[in-house]
């Protein structure tokens, strides 16, 4: 099974992350976690950084990035 079969024909989306929402810049069905590299289906996307404009697969990944960058 290849990536297209796993995610449908949409492929990787490009998003603009906003406070509490995101805007689809390039249509697709998933984004990649900036920490783990795992694919995140758009309908399951819950964690992202507006400042860094990147997505995270879960809360621990989000915290790991925050600690890595030394943000408050």
PDB file of N, CA and C in Angstrom:
ATOM      1  N   UNK A   1       0.851  -1.180   0.000  1.00  0.00           N
ATOM      2  CA  UNK A   1       0.000   0.000   0.000  1.00  0.00           C
ATOM      3  C   UNK A   1       0.894   1.240   0.000  1.00  0.00           C
ATOM      4  N   UNK A   2       0.683   2.145  -0.921  1.00  0.00           N
ATOM      5  CA  UNK A   2       1.505   3.353  -0.950  1.00  0.00           C
ATOM      6  C   UNK A   2       0.803   4.519  -0.270  1.00  0.00           C
ATOM      7  N   UNK A   3       1.494   5.644  -0.167  1.00  0.00           N
ATOM      8  CA  UNK A   3       0.968   6.797   0.549  1.00  0.00           C
ATOM      9  C   UNK A   3      -0.344   7.287  -0.042  1.00  0.00           C
ATOM     10  N   UNK A   4      -0.488   7.289  -1.343  1.00  0.00           N
ATOM     11  CA  UNK A   4      -1.724   7.753  -1.967  1.00  0.00           C
ATOM     12  C   UNK A   4      -2.886   6.854  -1.578  1.00  0.00           C
ATOM     13  N   UNK A   5      -2.659   5.561  -1.541  1.00  0.00           N
ATOM     14  CA  UNK A   5      -3.719   4.641  -1.147  1.00  0.00           C
ATOM     15  C   UNK A   5      -4.102   4.813   0.317  1.00  0.00           C
ATOM     16  N   UNK A   6      -3.136   5.100   1.170  1.00  0.00           N
ATOM     17  CA  UNK A   6      -3.429   5.275   2.586  1.00  0.00           C
ATOM     18  C   UNK A   6      -4.235   6.540   2.849  1.00  0.00           C
ATOM     19  N   UNK A   7      -3.992   7.583   2.106  1.00  0.00           N
ATOM     20  CA  UNK A   7      -4.601   8.873   2.413  1.00  0.00           C
ATOM     21  C   UNK A   7      -5.573   9.346   1.349  1.00  0.00           C
ATOM     22  N   UNK A   8      -5.910   8.536   0.417  1.00  0.00           N
ATOM     23  CA  UNK A   8      -6.784   8.979  -0.657  1.00  0.00           C
ATOM     24  C   UNK A   8      -5.980   9.779  -1.669  1.00  0.00           C
ATOM     25  N   UNK A   9      -6.635  10.483  -2.527  1.00  0.00           N
ATOM     26  CA  UNK A   9      -5.949  11.214  -3.586  1.00  0.00           C
ATOM     27  C   UNK A   9      -5.479  12.599  -3.161  1.00  0.00           C
ATOM     28  N   UNK A  10      -5.839  13.022  -1.960  1.00  0.00           N
ATOM     29  CA  UNK A  10      -5.521  14.371  -1.529  1.00  0.00           C
ATOM     30  C   UNK A  10      -4.057  14.642  -1.282  1.00  0.00           C
ATOM     31  N   UNK A  11      -3.316  13.691  -0.771  1.00  0.00           N
ATOM     32  CA  UNK A  11      -1.909  13.894  -0.460  1.00  0.00           C
ATOM     33  C   UNK A  11      -1.718  14.828   0.719  1.00  0.00           C
ATOM     34  N   UNK A  12      -0.511  15.380   0.821  1.00  0.00           N
ATOM     35  CA  UNK A  12      -0.165  16.242   1.944  1.00  0.00           C
ATOM     36  C   UNK A  12      -0.724  17.644   1.738  1.00  0.00           C
ATOM     37  N   UNK A  13      -1.391  18.151   2.743  1.00  0.00           N
ATOM     38  CA  UNK A  13      -1.954  19.502   2.703  1.00  0.00           C
ATOM     39  C   UNK A  13      -0.915  20.509   3.193  1.00  0.00           C
ATOM     40  N   UNK A  14      -1.076  21.740   2.778  1.00  0.00           N
ATOM     41  CA  UNK A  14      -0.288  22.853   3.320  1.00  0.00           C
ATOM     42  C   UNK A  14      -1.271  23.765   4.023  1.00  0.00           C
ATOM     43  N   UNK A  15      -1.013  24.032   5.306  1.00  0.00           N
ATOM     44  CA  UNK A  15      -1.943  24.806   6.117  1.00  0.00           C
ATOM     45  C   UNK A  15      -1.299  26.072   6.654  1.00  0.00           C
ATOM     46  N   UNK A  16      -2.141  27.031   6.981  1.00  0.00           N
ATOM     47  CA  UNK A  16      -1.733  28.199   7.764  1.00  0.00           C
ATOM     48  C   UNK A  16      -2.431  28.038   9.102  1.00  0.00           C
ATOM     49  N   UNK A  17      -1.640  27.916  10.162  1.00  0.00           N
ATOM     50  CA  UNK A  17      -2.176  27.656  11.489  1.00  0.00           C
ATOM     51  C   UNK A  17      -2.548  28.971  12.157  1.00  0.00           C
ATOM     52  N   UNK A  18      -3.780  29.029  12.649  1.00  0.00           N
ATOM     53  CA  UNK A  18      -4.324  30.203  13.308  1.00  0.00           C
ATOM     54  C   UNK A  18      -4.673  29.842  14.748  1.00  0.00           C
ATOM     55  N   UNK A  19      -5.057  30.830  15.541  1.00  0.00           N
ATOM     56  CA  UNK A  19      -5.500  30.565  16.908  1.00  0.00           C
ATOM     57  C   UNK A  19      -6.819  29.811  16.874  1.00  0.00           C
ATOM     58  N   UNK A  20      -6.808  28.540  17.273  1.00  0.00           N
ATOM     59  CA  UNK A  20      -8.013  27.737  17.357  1.00  0.00           C
ATOM     60  C   UNK A  20      -8.557  27.227  16.034  1.00  0.00           C
ATOM     61  N   UNK A  21      -7.861  27.462  14.943  1.00  0.00           N
ATOM     62  CA  UNK A  21      -8.329  27.022  13.627  1.00  0.00           C
ATOM     63  C   UNK A  21      -7.131  26.987  12.680  1.00  0.00           C
ATOM     64  N   UNK A  22      -7.353  26.496  11.477  1.00  0.00           N
ATOM     65  CA  UNK A  22      -6.320  26.538  10.450  1.00  0.00           C
ATOM     66  C   UNK A  22      -6.973  26.797   9.110  1.00  0.00           C
ATOM     67  N   UNK A  23      -6.189  27.344   8.209  1.00  0.00           N
ATOM     68  CA  UNK A  23      -6.651  27.662   6.857  1.00  0.00           C
ATOM     69  C   UNK A  23      -5.897  26.773   5.879  1.00  0.00           C
ATOM     70  N   UNK A  24      -6.629  26.132   4.986  1.00  0.00           N
ATOM     71  CA  UNK A  24      -6.016  25.245   3.994  1.00  0.00           C
ATOM     72  C   UNK A  24      -5.467  26.088   2.849  1.00  0.00           C
ATOM     73  N   UNK A  25      -4.160  26.032   2.666  1.00  0.00           N
ATOM     74  CA  UNK A  25      -3.501  26.771   1.589  1.00  0.00           C
ATOM     75  C   UNK A  25      -3.385  25.883   0.340  1.00  0.00           C
ATOM     76  N   UNK A  26      -3.040  24.618   0.544  1.00  0.00           N
ATOM     77  CA  UNK A  26      -2.985  23.618  -0.519  1.00  0.00           C
ATOM     78  C   UNK A  26      -3.781  22.411  -0.047  1.00  0.00           C
ATOM     79  N   UNK A  27      -4.839  22.047  -0.755  1.00  0.00           N
ATOM     80  CA  UNK A  27      -5.689  20.935  -0.320  1.00  0.00           C
ATOM     81  C   UNK A  27      -4.928  19.620  -0.203  1.00  0.00           C
ATOM     82  N   UNK A  28      -5.359  18.824   0.732  1.00  0.00           N
ATOM     83  CA  UNK A  28      -4.802  17.502   0.955  1.00  0.00           C
ATOM     84  C   UNK A  28      -5.573  16.829   2.063  1.00  0.00           C
ATOM     85  N   UNK A  29      -5.153  15.644   2.428  1.00  0.00           N
ATOM     86  CA  UNK A  29      -5.863  14.913   3.463  1.00  0.00           C
ATOM     87  C   UNK A  29      -5.073  14.763   4.757  1.00  0.00           C
ATOM     88  N   UNK A  30      -3.796  15.166   4.760  1.00  0.00           N
ATOM     89  CA  UNK A  30      -2.986  15.018   5.965  1.00  0.00           C
ATOM     90  C   UNK A  30      -1.873  16.056   5.993  1.00  0.00           C
ATOM     91  N   UNK A  31      -1.285  16.234   7.191  1.00  0.00           N
ATOM     92  CA  UNK A  31      -0.055  17.017   7.381  1.00  0.00           C
ATOM     93  C   UNK A  31       0.903  16.131   8.157  1.00  0.00           C
ATOM     94  N   UNK A  32       2.158  16.527   8.229  1.00  0.00           N
ATOM     95  CA  UNK A  32       3.162  15.739   8.958  1.00  0.00           C
ATOM     96  C   UNK A  32       3.494  16.398  10.289  1.00  0.00           C
ATOM     97  N   UNK A  33       3.659  15.555  11.293  1.00  0.00           N
ATOM     98  CA  UNK A  33       4.083  16.030  12.607  1.00  0.00           C
ATOM     99  C   UNK A  33       5.514  16.552  12.503  1.00  0.00           C
ATOM    100  N   UNK A  34       5.742  17.755  13.016  1.00  0.00           N
ATOM    101  CA  UNK A  34       7.066  18.372  12.949  1.00  0.00           C
ATOM    102  C   UNK A  34       8.084  17.669  13.847  1.00  0.00           C
ATOM    103  N   UNK A  35       7.630  16.915  14.819  1.00  0.00           N
ATOM    104  CA  UNK A  35       8.531  16.235  15.749  1.00  0.00           C
ATOM    105  C   UNK A  35       8.777  14.791  15.331  1.00  0.00           C
ATOM    106  N   UNK A  36       7.706  14.059  15.044  1.00  0.00           N
ATOM    107  CA  UNK A  36       7.823  12.619  14.777  1.00  0.00           C
ATOM    108  C   UNK A  36       7.870  12.269  13.293  1.00  0.00           C
ATOM    109  N   UNK A  37       7.381  13.173  12.439  1.00  0.00           N
ATOM    110  CA  UNK A  37       7.306  12.885  11.013  1.00  0.00           C
ATOM    111  C   UNK A  37       6.108  12.038  10.626  1.00  0.00           C
ATOM    112  N   UNK A  38       5.278  11.679  11.607  1.00  0.00           N
ATOM    113  CA  UNK A  38       4.089  10.876  11.324  1.00  0.00           C
ATOM    114  C   UNK A  38       3.041  11.695  10.575  1.00  0.00           C
ATOM    115  N   UNK A  39       2.279  11.035   9.726  1.00  0.00           N
ATOM    116  CA  UNK A  39       1.176  11.684   9.018  1.00  0.00           C
ATOM    117  C   UNK A  39       0.007  11.875   9.978  1.00  0.00           C
ATOM    118  N   UNK A  40      -0.630  13.049   9.909  1.00  0.00           N
ATOM    119  CA  UNK A  40      -1.792  13.363  10.731  1.00  0.00           C
ATOM    120  C   UNK A  40      -2.955  13.684   9.795  1.00  0.00           C
ATOM    121  N   UNK A  41      -3.985  12.833   9.766  1.00  0.00           N
ATOM    122  CA  UNK A  41      -5.158  13.156   8.952  1.00  0.00           C
ATOM    123  C   UNK A  41      -5.754  14.495   9.418  1.00  0.00           C
ATOM    124  N   UNK A  42      -6.188  15.325   8.490  1.00  0.00           N
ATOM    125  CA  UNK A  42      -6.701  16.644   8.864  1.00  0.00           C
ATOM    126  C   UNK A  42      -7.861  16.558   9.842  1.00  0.00           C
ATOM    127  N   UNK A  43      -8.694  15.539   9.719  1.00  0.00           N
ATOM    128  CA  UNK A  43      -9.829  15.427  10.643  1.00  0.00           C
ATOM    129  C   UNK A  43      -9.412  14.994  12.042  1.00  0.00           C
ATOM    130  N   UNK A  44      -8.133  14.668  12.242  1.00  0.00           N
ATOM    131  CA  UNK A  44      -7.617  14.305  13.563  1.00  0.00           C
ATOM    132  C   UNK A  44      -6.624  15.338  14.099  1.00  0.00           C
ATOM    133  N   UNK A  45      -6.379  16.401  13.362  1.00  0.00           N
ATOM    134  CA  UNK A  45      -5.408  17.420  13.759  1.00  0.00           C
ATOM    135  C   UNK A  45      -5.949  18.249  14.925  1.00  0.00           C
ATOM    136  N   UNK A  46      -5.227  18.214  16.048  1.00  0.00           N
ATOM    137  CA  UNK A  46      -5.655  18.938  17.255  1.00  0.00           C
ATOM    138  C   UNK A  46      -4.561  19.823  17.838  1.00  0.00           C
ATOM    139  N   UNK A  47      -3.312  19.573  17.472  1.00  0.00           N
ATOM    140  CA  UNK A  47      -2.189  20.274  18.090  1.00  0.00           C
ATOM    141  C   UNK A  47      -1.329  20.938  17.028  1.00  0.00           C
ATOM    142  N   UNK A  48      -1.057  22.254  17.204  1.00  0.00           N
ATOM    143  CA  UNK A  48      -0.164  22.971  16.307  1.00  0.00           C
ATOM    144  C   UNK A  48       0.353  24.220  16.982  1.00  0.00           C
ATOM    145  N   UNK A  49       1.355  24.817  16.386  1.00  0.00           N
ATOM    146  CA  UNK A  49       1.929  26.065  16.879  1.00  0.00           C
ATOM    147  C   UNK A  49       1.690  27.157  15.848  1.00  0.00           C
ATOM    148  N   UNK A  50       1.039  28.217  16.285  1.00  0.00           N
ATOM    149  CA  UNK A  50       0.834  29.373  15.417  1.00  0.00           C
ATOM    150  C   UNK A  50       2.178  30.061  15.169  1.00  0.00           C
ATOM    151  N   UNK A  51       3.001  30.178  16.216  1.00  0.00           N
ATOM    152  CA  UNK A  51       4.293  30.856  16.100  1.00  0.00           C
ATOM    153  C   UNK A  51       5.236  30.149  15.141  1.00  0.00           C
ATOM    154  N   UNK A  52       5.329  28.818  15.244  1.00  0.00           N
ATOM    155  CA  UNK A  52       6.247  28.053  14.398  1.00  0.00           C
ATOM    156  C   UNK A  52       5.588  27.526  13.127  1.00  0.00           C
ATOM    157  N   UNK A  53       4.257  27.637  13.026  1.00  0.00           N
ATOM    158  CA  UNK A  53       3.510  27.161  11.863  1.00  0.00           C
ATOM    159  C   UNK A  53       3.839  25.700  11.563  1.00  0.00           C
ATOM    160  N   UNK A  54       3.662  24.855  12.611  1.00  0.00           N
ATOM    161  CA  UNK A  54       3.884  23.429  12.444  1.00  0.00           C
ATOM    162  C   UNK A  54       2.885  22.638  13.272  1.00  0.00           C
ATOM    163  N   UNK A  55       2.618  21.417  12.830  1.00  0.00           N
ATOM    164  CA  UNK A  55       1.629  20.537  13.453  1.00  0.00           C
ATOM    165  C   UNK A  55       2.310  19.463  14.289  1.00  0.00           C
ATOM    166  N   UNK A  56       1.543  18.920  15.256  1.00  0.00           N
ATOM    167  CA  UNK A  56       2.039  17.858  16.132  1.00  0.00           C
ATOM    168  C   UNK A  56       0.995  16.754  16.224  1.00  0.00           C
ATOM    169  N   UNK A  57       1.450  15.529  16.291  1.00  0.00           N
ATOM    170  CA  UNK A  57       0.556  14.380  16.328  1.00  0.00           C
ATOM    171  C   UNK A  57      -0.169  14.260  17.669  1.00  0.00           C
ATOM    172  N   UNK A  58       0.459  14.749  18.759  1.00  0.00           N
ATOM    173  CA  UNK A  58      -0.163  14.642  20.081  1.00  0.00           C
ATOM    174  C   UNK A  58       0.440  15.677  21.024  1.00  0.00           C
ATOM    175  N   UNK A  59      -0.121  15.761  22.237  1.00  0.00           N
ATOM    176  CA  UNK A  59       0.341  16.741  23.215  1.00  0.00           C
ATOM    177  C   UNK A  59       1.807  16.525  23.630  1.00  0.00           C
ATOM    178  N   UNK A  60       2.252  15.279  23.865  1.00  0.00           N
ATOM    179  CA  UNK A  60       3.666  15.098  24.212  1.00  0.00           C
ATOM    180  C   UNK A  60       4.623  15.606  23.123  1.00  0.00           C
ATOM    181  N   UNK A  61       4.263  15.453  21.865  1.00  0.00           N
ATOM    182  CA  UNK A  61       5.104  15.968  20.776  1.00  0.00           C
ATOM    183  C   UNK A  61       5.135  17.491  20.796  1.00  0.00           C
ATOM    184  N   UNK A  62       3.992  18.101  21.067  1.00  0.00           N
ATOM    185  CA  UNK A  62       3.924  19.558  21.170  1.00  0.00           C
ATOM    186  C   UNK A  62       4.801  20.060  22.313  1.00  0.00           C
ATOM    187  N   UNK A  63       4.712  19.399  23.468  1.00  0.00           N
ATOM    188  CA  UNK A  63       5.524  19.777  24.622  1.00  0.00           C
ATOM    189  C   UNK A  63       7.008  19.577  24.336  1.00  0.00           C
ATOM    190  N   UNK A  64       7.359  18.477  23.679  1.00  0.00           N
ATOM    191  CA  UNK A  64       8.756  18.215  23.343  1.00  0.00           C
ATOM    192  C   UNK A  64       9.331  19.345  22.504  1.00  0.00           C
ATOM    193  N   UNK A  65       8.574  19.820  21.515  1.00  0.00           N
ATOM    194  CA  UNK A  65       9.047  20.915  20.660  1.00  0.00           C
ATOM    195  C   UNK A  65       9.174  22.201  21.468  1.00  0.00           C
ATOM    196  N   UNK A  66       8.206  22.451  22.347  1.00  0.00           N
ATOM    197  CA  UNK A  66       8.253  23.661  23.179  1.00  0.00           C
ATOM    198  C   UNK A  66       9.494  23.644  24.069  1.00  0.00           C
ATOM    199  N   UNK A  67       9.798  22.522  24.684  1.00  0.00           N
ATOM    200  CA  UNK A  67      10.994  22.401  25.519  1.00  0.00           C
ATOM    201  C   UNK A  67      12.265  22.516  24.695  1.00  0.00           C
ATOM    202  N   UNK A  68      12.239  21.936  23.505  1.00  0.00           N
ATOM    203  CA  UNK A  68      13.397  21.977  22.591  1.00  0.00           C
ATOM    204  C   UNK A  68      13.745  23.407  22.182  1.00  0.00           C
ATOM    205  N   UNK A  69      12.719  24.219  21.955  1.00  0.00           N
ATOM    206  CA  UNK A  69      12.944  25.595  21.502  1.00  0.00           C
ATOM    207  C   UNK A  69      13.103  26.582  22.660  1.00  0.00           C
ATOM    208  N   UNK A  70      12.846  26.113  23.898  1.00  0.00           N
ATOM    209  CA  UNK A  70      13.017  26.972  25.070  1.00  0.00           C
ATOM    210  C   UNK A  70      11.968  28.055  25.219  1.00  0.00           C
ATOM    211  N   UNK A  71      10.788  27.830  24.654  1.00  0.00           N
ATOM    212  CA  UNK A  71       9.703  28.812  24.771  1.00  0.00           C
ATOM    213  C   UNK A  71       9.102  28.784  26.162  1.00  0.00           C
ATOM    214  N   UNK A  72       8.519  29.913  26.548  1.00  0.00           N
ATOM    215  CA  UNK A  72       7.812  30.001  27.842  1.00  0.00           C
ATOM    216  C   UNK A  72       6.422  29.453  27.728  1.00  0.00           C
TER     217      UNK A  72
END
